C-alpha cells in the first residue's frame, strides 16, 4: 500500500496498470468468439452466477457437519458479511470524499482501446466507470477466498481462490478497472478485514453474537430442507 501511495514508487504501479490493461484488453483482437466470451463475462448476470457458485461453495463447506458446527460456521459467515458491508459502505466514501482520490477506468483514459460494448453490441457489458477505485467487486471475491483459506479445507480454499481469480478478470479485460483497483483497492482491504476477524478475538465475539439468531432461523426451516448433518462421532 505504501509503495502505491508514495510518489517515488507510484510510477512502477502506474506502468504495471497500463501494461496489464494493454495485454488483457489487447487480447480481444483474437477473434469474435473471444469477444463474445468476455462480453458475457462482463454482463451483470455473471455477478449473479458467481454469487450462486459462492453459495454452493458455502453449502459444500457446511455439508455433513454436525448441526452445532454448521450453526457456528454460519454465525462466522454472518460476522464476515456484517464486516464486509460496513467496509464497502465506508471505504468508497472515505477515498472519494475524505482522501479526494478518484480515477476513471482505463477505457476512458487510454487510446487504442477495444470497447466490448461496440464489438458485441447485442450484450450489455460493463466496460467503463468514472470512479473505478476501489474495486468493490475484487474486495468481495478476495474476502471470500481468504475466509475459506482460513477456515475451509484445502479443496474449498482452492476453489474459492480460483473463483476470485476468474471472476476478477472480466473487469480487467473489458477495461472497467485498472489492475490496482483490485490489488490495492480490493485485495488489501480484504486482507485487513479477514485478519481483524479471524486473527483477533473480534470474529469470535461477533460469531457468538450471531449464533442465537442463526439457531432461531434454523429452527424455522423444516428438517428436510436443511443442509444434511453428520453424526458427531464420525467427524474428525
Protein backbone atom coordinates (compact mmCIF):
# COMPACT_ATOMS: atom_id res chain seq x y z
CA UNK A 1 0.00 0.00 0.00
CA UNK A 2 2.81 2.40 0.90
CA UNK A 3 4.61 1.75 -2.39
CA UNK A 4 1.41 2.67 -4.25
CA UNK A 5 0.79 5.84 -2.22
CA UNK A 6 4.35 7.25 -2.20
CA UNK A 7 5.26 9.24 -5.36
CA UNK A 8 8.76 7.75 -5.50
CA UNK A 9 7.40 4.27 -6.30
CA UNK A 10 3.91 5.03 -7.61
CA UNK A 11 5.20 5.19 -11.18
CA UNK A 12 6.00 1.46 -11.11
CA UNK A 13 2.40 0.65 -10.24
CA UNK A 14 1.11 3.02 -12.95
CA UNK A 15 3.28 1.34 -15.58
CA UNK A 16 2.09 -2.07 -14.39
CA UNK A 17 -1.52 -0.87 -14.67
CA UNK A 18 -1.05 0.22 -18.28
CA UNK A 19 0.91 -2.91 -19.25
CA UNK A 20 -1.70 -5.22 -17.70
CA UNK A 21 -4.54 -3.40 -19.44
CA UNK A 22 -2.81 -3.39 -22.83
CA UNK A 23 -2.13 -7.12 -22.57
CA UNK A 24 -5.59 -8.17 -21.36
CA UNK A 25 -7.69 -5.75 -23.38
CA UNK A 26 -5.47 -6.28 -26.42
CA UNK A 27 -6.35 -9.99 -26.36
CA UNK A 28 -9.81 -9.02 -27.66
CA UNK A 29 -8.24 -8.83 -31.11
CA UNK A 30 -8.06 -12.65 -31.15
CA UNK A 31 -11.49 -13.02 -32.68
CA UNK A 32 -15.25 -12.73 -32.36
CA UNK A 33 -15.66 -15.81 -30.15
CA UNK A 34 -13.20 -14.36 -27.63
CA UNK A 35 -15.02 -11.02 -27.67
CA UNK A 36 -18.40 -12.68 -27.07
CA UNK A 37 -16.95 -14.72 -24.19
CA UNK A 38 -15.66 -11.63 -22.37
CA UNK A 39 -18.77 -9.61 -23.17
CA UNK A 40 -20.83 -12.30 -21.46
CA UNK A 41 -18.38 -12.35 -18.56
CA UNK A 42 -18.82 -8.57 -18.14
CA UNK A 43 -22.61 -8.77 -18.16
CA UNK A 44 -24.38 -8.08 -14.85
CA UNK A 45 -25.88 -11.57 -14.97
CA UNK A 46 -22.42 -13.04 -14.45
CA UNK A 47 -22.36 -11.47 -10.97
CA UNK A 48 -25.47 -13.49 -10.14
CA UNK A 49 -23.74 -16.60 -11.49
CA UNK A 50 -20.61 -16.00 -9.40
CA UNK A 51 -22.77 -15.39 -6.33
CA UNK A 52 -24.56 -18.69 -6.96
CA UNK A 53 -21.24 -20.54 -7.16
CA UNK A 54 -20.15 -19.00 -3.86
CA UNK A 55 -23.47 -20.12 -2.33
CA UNK A 56 -22.84 -23.70 -3.49
CA UNK A 57 -19.32 -23.46 -2.07
CA UNK A 58 -20.75 -22.42 1.29
CA UNK A 59 -23.20 -25.33 1.21
CA UNK A 60 -20.38 -27.79 0.48
CA UNK A 61 -18.41 -26.25 3.38
CA UNK A 62 -21.34 -26.98 5.73
CA UNK A 63 -22.40 -30.32 4.25
CA UNK A 64 -22.16 -33.29 6.57
CA UNK A 65 -21.12 -31.35 9.66
CA UNK A 66 -22.95 -31.68 12.99
CA UNK A 67 -25.76 -29.14 13.36
CA UNK A 68 -23.98 -27.13 16.08
CA UNK A 69 -20.86 -26.91 13.90
CA UNK A 70 -22.96 -25.76 10.94
CA UNK A 71 -24.59 -23.08 13.10
CA UNK A 72 -21.24 -21.77 14.32
CA UNK A 73 -19.86 -21.68 10.78
CA UNK A 74 -22.94 -19.75 9.61
CA UNK A 75 -22.52 -17.35 12.53
CA UNK A 76 -18.90 -16.78 11.46
CA UNK A 77 -20.10 -16.13 7.92
CA UNK A 78 -22.67 -13.67 9.27
CA UNK A 79 -19.89 -11.80 11.10
CA UNK A 80 -17.93 -11.67 7.84
CA UNK A 81 -20.88 -10.30 5.85
CA UNK A 82 -21.55 -7.66 8.51
CA UNK A 83 -17.95 -6.51 8.45
CA UNK A 84 -17.80 -6.58 4.64
CA UNK A 85 -20.93 -4.46 4.39
CA UNK A 86 -19.52 -1.91 6.83
CA UNK A 87 -16.26 -1.67 4.87
CA UNK A 88 -17.98 -1.36 1.48
CA UNK A 89 -20.27 1.42 2.72
CA UNK A 90 -17.41 3.35 4.32
CA UNK A 91 -14.38 2.67 2.10
CA UNK A 92 -15.58 4.26 -1.12
CA UNK A 93 -16.89 7.50 0.50
CA UNK A 94 -13.69 7.66 2.57
CA UNK A 95 -11.48 7.53 -0.53
CA UNK A 96 -13.61 9.83 -2.68
CA UNK A 97 -14.71 12.48 -0.14
CA UNK A 98 -12.03 12.49 2.54
CA UNK A 99 -8.89 11.47 0.71
CA UNK A 100 -10.09 13.10 -2.50
CA UNK A 101 -8.86 10.31 -4.77
CA UNK A 102 -10.84 9.15 -7.76
CA UNK A 103 -9.89 7.96 -11.21
CA UNK A 104 -11.75 6.79 -14.30
CA UNK A 105 -11.39 3.41 -15.98
CA UNK A 106 -8.56 2.79 -18.43
CA UNK A 107 -11.10 2.73 -21.27
CA UNK A 108 -11.84 6.39 -20.51
CA UNK A 109 -8.19 7.39 -20.28
CA UNK A 110 -6.11 5.45 -22.82
CA UNK A 111 -6.17 5.40 -26.61
CA UNK A 112 -6.46 2.37 -28.86
CA UNK A 113 -8.96 0.61 -26.60
CA UNK A 114 -11.14 -2.35 -27.60
CA UNK A 115 -14.68 -1.47 -26.47
CA UNK A 116 -16.63 -4.65 -25.77
CA UNK A 117 -19.99 -2.89 -25.95
CA UNK A 118 -19.14 -1.82 -29.50
CA UNK A 119 -17.56 -5.11 -30.57
CA UNK A 120 -20.54 -7.10 -29.24
CA UNK A 121 -23.44 -4.61 -29.12
CA UNK A 122 -26.02 -7.35 -28.51
CA UNK A 123 -24.62 -7.96 -24.98
CA UNK A 124 -24.79 -5.33 -22.25
CA UNK A 125 -21.21 -5.40 -20.95
CA UNK A 126 -19.68 -3.16 -18.30
CA UNK A 127 -16.63 -1.51 -19.88
CA UNK A 128 -16.19 1.80 -18.08
CA UNK A 129 -16.58 3.53 -14.74
CA UNK A 130 -15.88 7.18 -13.98
CA UNK A 131 -14.79 6.20 -10.46
CA UNK A 132 -13.14 2.80 -10.75
CA UNK A 133 -11.15 2.87 -7.49
CA UNK A 134 -11.51 0.96 -5.18
CA UNK A 135 -12.55 -2.36 -6.71
CA UNK A 136 -15.57 -3.43 -4.64
CA UNK A 137 -16.05 -6.48 -6.87
CA UNK A 138 -12.49 -7.63 -6.18
CA UNK A 139 -12.85 -6.87 -2.49
CA UNK A 140 -15.86 -9.18 -2.12
CA UNK A 141 -14.35 -12.07 -4.09
CA UNK A 142 -10.93 -11.90 -2.42
CA UNK A 143 -12.52 -11.63 1.05
CA UNK A 144 -14.50 -14.82 0.48
CA UNK A 145 -11.40 -16.57 -0.86
CA UNK A 146 -9.35 -15.57 2.20
CA UNK A 147 -12.19 -16.59 4.52
CA UNK A 148 -12.14 -20.12 3.11
CA UNK A 149 -8.34 -20.22 3.13
CA UNK A 150 -8.50 -19.56 6.88
CA UNK A 151 -11.49 -21.77 7.77
CA UNK A 152 -12.12 -24.22 4.96
CA UNK A 153 -10.43 -27.45 3.85
CA UNK A 154 -7.81 -27.02 1.16
CA UNK A 155 -10.15 -28.07 -1.65
CA UNK A 156 -12.70 -25.43 -0.71
CA UNK A 157 -9.93 -22.85 -0.36
CA UNK A 158 -8.54 -23.76 -3.79
CA UNK A 159 -11.95 -23.46 -5.47
CA UNK A 160 -12.65 -20.13 -3.75
CA UNK A 161 -9.26 -18.77 -4.83
CA UNK A 162 -9.87 -19.90 -8.41
CA UNK A 163 -13.30 -18.22 -8.44
CA UNK A 164 -11.76 -14.98 -7.14
CA UNK A 165 -9.20 -15.02 -9.94
CA UNK A 166 -11.59 -15.98 -12.74
CA UNK A 167 -14.35 -13.52 -11.86
CA UNK A 168 -11.95 -10.61 -11.36
CA UNK A 169 -10.52 -10.98 -14.86
CA UNK A 170 -13.57 -9.77 -16.87
CA UNK A 171 -13.39 -6.23 -15.42
CA UNK A 172 -9.70 -6.07 -16.33
CA UNK A 173 -10.15 -7.42 -19.86
CA UNK A 174 -13.15 -5.17 -20.57
CA UNK A 175 -11.34 -2.15 -19.12
CA UNK A 176 -13.77 -1.18 -16.35
CA UNK A 177 -10.97 -1.42 -13.78
CA UNK A 178 -7.23 -1.00 -13.53
CA UNK A 179 -5.18 -3.82 -12.05
CA UNK A 180 -4.51 -1.82 -8.88
CA UNK A 181 -8.23 -1.17 -8.39
CA UNK A 182 -8.36 -4.83 -7.43
CA UNK A 183 -4.91 -5.34 -5.91
CA UNK A 184 -4.65 -2.14 -3.84
CA UNK A 185 -8.31 -1.18 -3.54
CA UNK A 186 -9.72 -4.71 -3.23
CA UNK A 187 -7.20 -7.27 -2.01
CA UNK A 188 -5.53 -5.16 0.69
CA UNK A 189 -8.82 -4.19 2.40
CA UNK A 190 -9.83 -7.86 2.13
CA UNK A 191 -6.62 -8.88 3.92
CA UNK A 192 -7.34 -6.36 6.67
CA UNK A 193 -10.96 -7.48 7.12
CA UNK A 194 -10.13 -11.19 7.30
CA UNK A 195 -7.15 -10.54 9.59
CA UNK A 196 -9.22 -8.46 12.00
CA UNK A 197 -11.98 -11.07 12.04
CA UNK A 198 -10.02 -14.32 12.15
CA UNK A 199 -6.66 -13.42 13.67
CA UNK A 200 -8.11 -11.46 16.60
CA UNK A 201 -10.94 -12.22 19.09
CA UNK A 202 -13.27 -9.90 17.13
CA UNK A 203 -14.55 -12.60 14.79
CA UNK A 204 -15.25 -15.00 17.65
CA UNK A 205 -17.24 -12.43 19.62
CA UNK A 206 -19.24 -11.37 16.57
CA UNK A 207 -19.96 -15.01 15.71
CA UNK A 208 -21.15 -15.67 19.27
CA UNK A 209 -23.42 -12.65 18.90
CA UNK A 210 -24.90 -14.05 15.68
CA UNK A 211 -25.23 -17.63 16.97
CA UNK A 212 -28.65 -17.28 18.70
CA UNK A 213 -30.05 -15.65 15.56
CA UNK A 214 -28.70 -18.46 13.38
CA UNK A 215 -30.15 -21.12 15.70
CA UNK A 216 -33.53 -19.39 15.64
CA UNK A 217 -33.58 -19.23 11.84
CA UNK A 218 -32.53 -22.88 11.55
CA UNK A 219 -35.39 -23.91 13.83
CA UNK A 220 -37.84 -22.28 11.42
CA UNK A 221 -36.54 -24.28 8.45
CA UNK A 222 -38.11 -27.74 8.02
CA UNK A 223 -35.65 -30.58 8.65
CA UNK A 224 -35.95 -31.88 5.09
CA UNK A 225 -34.80 -28.51 3.72
CA UNK A 226 -31.77 -28.14 5.99
CA UNK A 227 -28.23 -28.99 4.93
CA UNK A 228 -27.62 -32.64 5.89
CA UNK A 229 -25.59 -33.17 9.03
CA UNK A 230 -23.23 -35.96 10.04
CA UNK A 231 -23.11 -37.89 13.26
CA UNK A 232 -20.75 -36.14 15.69
CA UNK A 233 -18.70 -39.29 16.32
CA UNK A 234 -17.71 -39.61 12.67
CA UNK A 235 -16.42 -36.03 12.37
CA UNK A 236 -12.65 -35.63 12.65
